[in-house]
Structures are given as C-alpha cells and as structure tokens.
PDB file of N, CA and C in Angstrom:
ATOM      1  N   MET A   1       0.877  -1.198   0.099  1.00  0.00           N
ATOM      2  CA  MET A   1       0.007  -0.111  -0.109  1.00  0.00           C
ATOM      3  C   MET A   1       0.872   1.197  -0.019  1.00  0.00           C
ATOM      4  N   LYS A   2       0.709   2.026  -0.642  1.00  0.00           N
ATOM      5  CA  LYS A   2       1.453   3.394  -1.138  1.00  0.00           C
ATOM      6  C   LYS A   2       1.239   4.536   0.345  1.00  0.00           C
ATOM      7  N   THR A   3       1.877   4.697   0.854  1.00  0.00           N
ATOM      8  CA  THR A   3       1.560   5.968   2.051  1.00  0.00           C
ATOM      9  C   THR A   3       1.338   7.135   1.304  1.00  0.00           C
ATOM     10  N   PHE A   4       0.970   8.100   2.348  1.00  0.00           N
ATOM     11  CA  PHE A   4       0.542   9.442   2.026  1.00  0.00           C
ATOM     12  C   PHE A   4       1.695  10.117   2.091  1.00  0.00           C
ATOM     13  N   ASP A   5       1.748  11.040   0.941  1.00  0.00           N
ATOM     14  CA  ASP A   5       3.065  12.026   0.776  1.00  0.00           C
ATOM     15  C   ASP A   5       2.186  13.383   1.250  1.00  0.00           C
ATOM     16  N   PRO A   6       2.581  14.084   2.090  1.00  0.00           N
ATOM     17  CA  PRO A   6       1.936  15.541   2.135  1.00  0.00           C
ATOM     18  C   PRO A   6       2.903  16.674   1.618  1.00  0.00           C
ATOM     19  N   TRP A   7       4.183  16.229   1.160  1.00  0.00           N
ATOM     20  CA  TRP A   7       4.819  17.265   0.600  1.00  0.00           C
ATOM     21  C   TRP A   7       4.483  17.749  -0.390  1.00  0.00           C
ATOM     22  N   PRO A   8       3.749  17.414  -1.353  1.00  0.00           N
ATOM     23  CA  PRO A   8       3.457  18.200  -3.009  1.00  0.00           C
ATOM     24  C   PRO A   8       2.307  19.076  -2.417  1.00  0.00           C
ATOM     25  N   ILE A   9       1.269  18.802  -1.333  1.00  0.00           N
ATOM     26  CA  ILE A   9       0.223  19.145  -1.119  1.00  0.00           C
ATOM     27  C   ILE A   9       0.635  20.828  -0.227  1.00  0.00           C
ATOM     28  N   PHE A  10       1.781  20.638   0.767  1.00  0.00           N
ATOM     29  CA  PHE A  10       2.234  21.460   1.265  1.00  0.00           C
ATOM     30  C   PHE A  10       3.133  22.564   0.390  1.00  0.00           C
ATOM     31  N   PHE A  11       3.908  22.048  -0.375  1.00  0.00           N
ATOM     32  CA  PHE A  11       4.645  22.615  -1.372  1.00  0.00           C
ATOM     33  C   PHE A  11       3.647  23.735  -2.639  1.00  0.00           C
ATOM     34  N   ARG A  12       2.805  23.152  -2.748  1.00  0.00           N
ATOM     35  CA  ARG A  12       1.698  23.917  -3.586  1.00  0.00           C
ATOM     36  C   ARG A  12       1.099  25.136  -2.871  1.00  0.00           C
ATOM     37  N   ARG A  13       0.517  24.556  -1.518  1.00  0.00           N
ATOM     38  CA  ARG A  13      -0.399  25.808  -0.985  1.00  0.00           C
ATOM     39  C   ARG A  13       0.992  26.935  -0.225  1.00  0.00           C
ATOM     40  N   GLU A  14       2.060  26.286  -0.180  1.00  0.00           N
ATOM     41  CA  GLU A  14       3.146  27.357   0.224  1.00  0.00           C
ATOM     42  C   GLU A  14       3.297  28.434  -0.811  1.00  0.00           C
ATOM     43  N   PHE A  15       3.434  27.649  -2.101  1.00  0.00           N
ATOM     44  CA  PHE A  15       3.599  28.719  -3.263  1.00  0.00           C
ATOM     45  C   PHE A  15       2.446  29.384  -3.588  1.00  0.00           C
ATOM     46  N   HIS A  16       1.604  29.162  -3.113  1.00  0.00           N
ATOM     47  CA  HIS A  16       0.401  29.780  -3.693  1.00  0.00           C
ATOM     48  C   HIS A  16       0.187  30.851  -2.783  1.00  0.00           C
ATOM     49  N   ARG A  17       0.669  31.033  -1.412  1.00  0.00           N
ATOM     50  CA  ARG A  17       0.657  31.873  -0.314  1.00  0.00           C
ATOM     51  C   ARG A  17       2.117  32.769  -0.480  1.00  0.00           C
ATOM     52  N   ASN A  18       3.190  32.378  -1.107  1.00  0.00           N
ATOM     53  CA  ASN A  18       4.245  32.901  -0.945  1.00  0.00           C
ATOM     54  C   ASN A  18       4.922  33.396  -2.097  1.00  0.00           C
ATOM     55  N   TRP A  19       4.288  33.187  -3.332  1.00  0.00           N
ATOM     56  CA  TRP A  19       4.547  33.987  -4.500  1.00  0.00           C
ATOM     57  C   TRP A  19       4.846  35.340  -4.547  1.00  0.00           C
ATOM     58  N   PRO A  20       3.824  36.136  -4.145  1.00  0.00           N
ATOM     59  CA  PRO A  20       4.540  37.372  -4.315  1.00  0.00           C
ATOM     60  C   PRO A  20       5.434  38.021  -3.847  1.00  0.00           C
ATOM     61  N   PHE A  21       5.711  37.612  -2.438  1.00  0.00           N
ATOM     62  CA  PHE A  21       7.107  37.716  -1.554  1.00  0.00           C
ATOM     63  C   PHE A  21       8.398  37.152  -2.715  1.00  0.00           C
ATOM     64  N   LEU A  22       8.215  36.089  -3.228  1.00  0.00           N
ATOM     65  CA  LEU A  22       9.159  35.532  -3.915  1.00  0.00           C
ATOM     66  C   LEU A  22       9.492  36.377  -5.207  1.00  0.00           C
ATOM     67  N   ALA A  23       8.215  36.878  -5.947  1.00  0.00           N
ATOM     68  CA  ALA A  23       8.563  37.782  -7.433  1.00  0.00           C
ATOM     69  C   ALA A  23       9.301  38.953  -6.778  1.00  0.00           C
ATOM     70  N   GLY A  24       8.825  39.588  -5.554  1.00  0.00           N
ATOM     71  CA  GLY A  24       9.416  40.748  -5.102  1.00  0.00           C
ATOM     72  C   GLY A  24      10.741  40.627  -4.741  1.00  0.00           C
ATOM     73  N   PHE A  25      11.360  39.570  -4.105  1.00  0.00           N
ATOM     74  CA  PHE A  25      12.575  39.274  -3.803  1.00  0.00           C
ATOM     75  C   PHE A  25      13.321  39.162  -5.275  1.00  0.00           C
ATOM     76  N   ALA A  26      12.702  38.542  -6.155  1.00  0.00           N
ATOM     77  CA  ALA A  26      13.649  38.181  -7.482  1.00  0.00           C
ATOM     78  C   ALA A  26      13.726  39.760  -8.262  1.00  0.00           C
ATOM     79  N   VAL A  27      12.675  40.322  -8.177  1.00  0.00           N
ATOM     80  CA  VAL A  27      12.967  41.791  -8.767  1.00  0.00           C
ATOM     81  C   VAL A  27      13.742  42.770  -8.208  1.00  0.00           C
ATOM     82  N   THR A  28      13.791  42.665  -6.911  1.00  0.00           N
ATOM     83  CA  THR A  28      14.640  43.665  -5.869  1.00  0.00           C
ATOM     84  C   THR A  28      16.068  43.039  -6.077  1.00  0.00           C
ATOM     85  N   GLY A  29      16.237  41.680  -6.206  1.00  0.00           N
ATOM     86  CA  GLY A  29      17.468  41.481  -6.367  1.00  0.00           C
ATOM     87  C   GLY A  29      18.184  41.534  -7.757  1.00  0.00           C
ATOM     88  N   ALA A  30      17.499  41.619  -8.681  1.00  0.00           N
ATOM     89  CA  ALA A  30      17.865  41.749 -10.184  1.00  0.00           C
ATOM     90  C   ALA A  30      18.298  43.403 -10.024  1.00  0.00           C
ATOM     91  N   LEU A  31      17.271  44.032  -9.331  1.00  0.00           N
ATOM     92  CA  LEU A  31      17.553  45.649  -9.530  1.00  0.00           C
ATOM     93  C   LEU A  31      19.108  45.914  -8.824  1.00  0.00           C
ATOM     94  N   ILE A  32      19.018  45.545  -7.833  1.00  0.00           N
ATOM     95  CA  ILE A  32      20.207  45.518  -6.887  1.00  0.00           C
ATOM     96  C   ILE A  32      21.263  45.023  -7.805  1.00  0.00           C
ATOM     97  N   VAL A  33      21.509  43.851  -8.503  1.00  0.00           N
ATOM     98  CA  VAL A  33      22.558  43.454  -9.548  1.00  0.00           C
ATOM     99  C   VAL A  33      22.756  44.519 -10.454  1.00  0.00           C
ATOM    100  N   LYS A  34      21.483  44.655 -11.280  1.00  0.00           N
ATOM    101  CA  LYS A  34      21.898  45.818 -12.446  1.00  0.00           C
ATOM    102  C   LYS A  34      22.512  47.270 -11.856  1.00  0.00           C
ATOM    103  N   PHE A  35      22.050  47.548 -10.810  1.00  0.00           N
ATOM    104  CA  PHE A  35      22.808  48.714 -10.772  1.00  0.00           C
ATOM    105  C   PHE A  35      24.024  49.023 -10.130  1.00  0.00           C
ATOM    106  N   THR A  36      24.219  47.908  -9.275  1.00  0.00           N
ATOM    107  CA  THR A  36      25.753  47.530  -8.760  1.00  0.00           C
ATOM    108  C   THR A  36      26.728  47.241  -9.699  1.00  0.00           C
ATOM    109  N   ALA A  37      26.112  46.692 -10.874  1.00  0.00           N
ATOM    110  CA  ALA A  37      27.170  46.013 -11.527  1.00  0.00           C
ATOM    111  C   ALA A  37      27.685  46.987 -12.646  1.00  0.00           C
ATOM    112  N   GLY A  38      26.950  48.318 -12.468  1.00  0.00           N
ATOM    113  CA  GLY A  38      27.396  49.486 -13.495  1.00  0.00           C
ATOM    114  C   GLY A  38      28.555  50.382 -12.571  1.00  0.00           C
ATOM    115  N   LEU A  39      28.789  50.298 -11.499  1.00  0.00           N
ATOM    116  CA  LEU A  39      29.824  51.279 -10.647  1.00  0.00           C
ATOM    117  C   LEU A  39      30.817  50.959 -11.030  1.00  0.00           C
ATOM    118  N   THR A  40      31.723  51.741 -10.837  1.00  0.00           N
ATOM    119  CA  THR A  40      33.254  51.593 -11.421  1.00  0.00           C
ATOM    120  C   THR A  40      34.122  52.385 -10.152  1.00  0.00           C
ATOM    121  N   GLU A  41      35.357  51.915 -10.149  1.00  0.00           N
ATOM    122  CA  GLU A  41      35.904  52.559  -9.234  1.00  0.00           C
ATOM    123  C   GLU A  41      36.047  53.785  -8.976  1.00  0.00           C
ATOM    124  N   GLU A  42      36.149  54.673 -10.342  1.00  0.00           N
ATOM    125  CA  GLU A  42      35.932  56.240 -10.270  1.00  0.00           C
ATOM    126  C   GLU A  42      34.798  56.584  -9.412  1.00  0.00           C
ATOM    127  N   ASP A  43      33.317  55.898  -9.375  1.00  0.00           N
ATOM    128  CA  ASP A  43      32.467  56.172  -8.901  1.00  0.00           C
ATOM    129  C   ASP A  43      32.307  55.972  -7.176  1.00  0.00           C
ATOM    130  N   ALA A  44      32.935  54.986  -7.187  1.00  0.00           N
ATOM    131  CA  ALA A  44      33.493  54.887  -5.432  1.00  0.00           C
ATOM    132  C   ALA A  44      34.672  55.633  -4.995  1.00  0.00           C
ATOM    133  N   LYS A  45      35.404  56.285  -5.954  1.00  0.00           N
ATOM    134  CA  LYS A  45      36.030  57.410  -5.568  1.00  0.00           C
ATOM    135  C   LYS A  45      35.273  58.724  -5.115  1.00  0.00           C
ATOM    136  N   ASN A  46      34.461  58.845  -5.993  1.00  0.00           N
ATOM    137  CA  ASN A  46      33.695  59.976  -5.715  1.00  0.00           C
ATOM    138  C   ASN A  46      32.239  60.000  -4.872  1.00  0.00           C
ATOM    139  N   SER A  47      32.352  58.908  -4.297  1.00  0.00           N
ATOM    140  CA  SER A  47      31.085  58.781  -3.498  1.00  0.00           C
ATOM    141  C   SER A  47      31.287  59.112  -1.985  1.00  0.00           C
ATOM    142  N   ARG A  48      30.485  60.062  -1.547  1.00  0.00           N
ATOM    143  CA  ARG A  48      30.799  60.652  -0.024  1.00  0.00           C
ATOM    144  C   ARG A  48      30.783  59.548   0.918  1.00  0.00           C
ATOM    145  N   PHE A  49      29.673  58.449   0.738  1.00  0.00           N
ATOM    146  CA  PHE A  49      29.624  57.338   1.624  1.00  0.00           C
ATOM    147  C   PHE A  49      30.843  56.584   1.666  1.00  0.00           C
ATOM    148  N   VAL A  50      31.856  56.345   0.586  1.00  0.00           N
ATOM    149  CA  VAL A  50      32.906  55.446   0.509  1.00  0.00           C
ATOM    150  C   VAL A  50      34.081  56.382   1.529  1.00  0.00           C
ATOM    151  N   GLN A  51      33.944  57.536   0.992  1.00  0.00           N
ATOM    152  CA  GLN A  51      35.103  58.586   1.327  1.00  0.00           C
ATOM    153  C   GLN A  51      34.714  58.835   2.966  1.00  0.00           C
ATOM    154  N   GLU A  52      33.575  58.791   3.703  1.00  0.00           N
ATOM    155  CA  GLU A  52      33.370  58.879   5.110  1.00  0.00           C
ATOM    156  C   GLU A  52      33.743  57.330   5.787  1.00  0.00           C
ATOM    157  N   HIS A  53      33.584  56.298   5.085  1.00  0.00           N
ATOM    158  CA  HIS A  53      33.831  55.443   5.816  1.00  0.00           C
ATOM    159  C   HIS A  53      35.073  54.346   5.293  1.00  0.00           C
ATOM    160  N   ASN A  54      35.842  55.010   4.412  1.00  0.00           N
ATOM    161  CA  ASN A  54      36.936  54.411   4.128  1.00  0.00           C
ATOM    162  C   ASN A  54      38.113  54.272   5.104  1.00  0.00           C
ATOM    163  N   SER A  55      38.070  55.169   6.006  1.00  0.00           N
ATOM    164  CA  SER A  55      39.342  54.860   7.489  1.00  0.00           C
ATOM    165  C   SER A  55      38.576  53.867   8.040  1.00  0.00           C
ATOM    166  N   HIS A  56      37.483  53.553   8.351  1.00  0.00           N
ATOM    167  CA  HIS A  56      36.824  52.713   9.341  1.00  0.00           C
ATOM    168  C   HIS A  56      37.298  50.867   8.533  1.00  0.00           C
ATOM    169  N   ILE A  57      36.940  51.310   7.129  1.00  0.00           N
ATOM    170  CA  ILE A  57      37.137  49.837   6.424  1.00  0.00           C
ATOM    171  C   ILE A  57      38.853  49.549   6.223  1.00  0.00           C
ATOM    172  N   ILE A  58      39.670  50.444   6.518  1.00  0.00           N
ATOM    173  CA  ILE A  58      41.119  50.304   5.997  1.00  0.00           C
ATOM    174  C   ILE A  58      41.687  49.747   7.631  1.00  0.00           C
ATOM    175  N   GLU A  59      41.079  50.644   8.730  1.00  0.00           N
ATOM    176  CA  GLU A  59      41.515  49.763   9.863  1.00  0.00           C
ATOM    177  C   GLU A  59      41.294  48.782  10.374  1.00  0.00           C
ATOM    178  N   ALA A  60      40.080  48.409  10.060  1.00  0.00           N
ATOM    179  CA  ALA A  60      39.356  46.862  10.090  1.00  0.00           C
ATOM    180  C   ALA A  60      40.321  45.506   9.632  1.00  0.00           C
ATOM    181  N   CYS A  61      40.755  46.028   8.324  1.00  0.00           N
ATOM    182  CA  CYS A  61      41.407  45.308   7.510  1.00  0.00           C
ATOM    183  C   CYS A  61      42.889  45.146   8.012  1.00  0.00           C
ATOM    184  N   ARG A  62      43.138  46.265   8.823  1.00  0.00           N
ATOM    185  CA  ARG A  62      44.753  46.104   9.257  1.00  0.00           C
ATOM    186  C   ARG A  62      44.786  45.136  10.554  1.00  0.00           C
ATOM    187  N   GLN A  63      43.441  45.198  11.300  1.00  0.00           N
ATOM    188  CA  GLN A  63      43.150  44.556  12.728  1.00  0.00           C
ATOM    189  C   GLN A  63      42.622  43.087  12.213  1.00  0.00           C
ATOM    190  N   GLY A  64      42.492  42.751  10.832  1.00  0.00           N
ATOM    191  CA  GLY A  64      41.847  41.444  10.773  1.00  0.00           C
ATOM    192  C   GLY A  64      40.391  41.476  10.898  1.00  0.00           C
ATOM    193  N   TRP A  65      39.528  42.372  10.987  1.00  0.00           N
ATOM    194  CA  TRP A  65      38.160  42.358  11.143  1.00  0.00           C
ATOM    195  C   TRP A  65      37.646  42.223  12.341  1.00  0.00           C
ATOM    196  N   ASN A  66      38.677  41.912  13.250  1.00  0.00           N
ATOM    197  CA  ASN A  66      38.339  41.777  14.722  1.00  0.00           C
ATOM    198  C   ASN A  66      37.900  42.739  15.568  1.00  0.00           C
ATOM    199  N   GLY A  67      38.775  43.886  15.074  1.00  0.00           N
ATOM    200  CA  GLY A  67      38.600  45.463  16.157  1.00  0.00           C
ATOM    201  C   GLY A  67      37.488  45.915  15.419  1.00  0.00           C
ATOM    202  N   LEU A  68      36.785  45.761  14.696  1.00  0.00           N
ATOM    203  CA  LEU A  68      35.572  46.730  14.085  1.00  0.00           C
ATOM    204  C   LEU A  68      34.412  46.398  15.056  1.00  0.00           C
ATOM    205  N   ASP A  69      34.347  47.857  15.532  1.00  0.00           N
ATOM    206  CA  ASP A  69      32.916  47.999  16.252  1.00  0.00           C
ATOM    207  C   ASP A  69      32.098  48.953  15.768  1.00  0.00           C
ATOM    208  N   VAL A  70      31.092  48.451  14.872  1.00  0.00           N
ATOM    209  CA  VAL A  70      30.393  49.284  13.991  1.00  0.00           C
ATOM    210  C   VAL A  70      28.921  49.339  14.655  1.00  0.00           C
TER     211      VAL A  70
END
C-alpha cells in the first residue's frame, strides 16, 4: 500500500501563499545587481559614503576584522 506523501500538497499551498514575496525578492535582487554592476572605481572614489567610511574599512583590514565595532 502506498503511503500518503504530504509534501506536494504543502509545497503547492505554500507557493500559492508566498509567490508575491518570491517575485518581489527576485525583482529587488535583479535591480540591485543591475545598478551595482554598473559602478566603477571612479564612482566609488567620488562617493561621499565611501570617503566617510574608508578609514573604518582600512583600519578593520589592518586588525583582521576583529577590531571593527560598528
């Protein structure tokens, strides 16, 4: 006698419940990849964020990331 397998029912129900989240996650990930792939080193040098945090990153690299208190 074949035993009842609940996994197909579970995955079907959960997919119908969670597909908007999965689609949104995929779109958000694609946009992040698209925008960050176009950045260059020159963009990073001109970025105010990178300039403000560069000293913290350099210091953390010197200490092996153990001394980073962010």
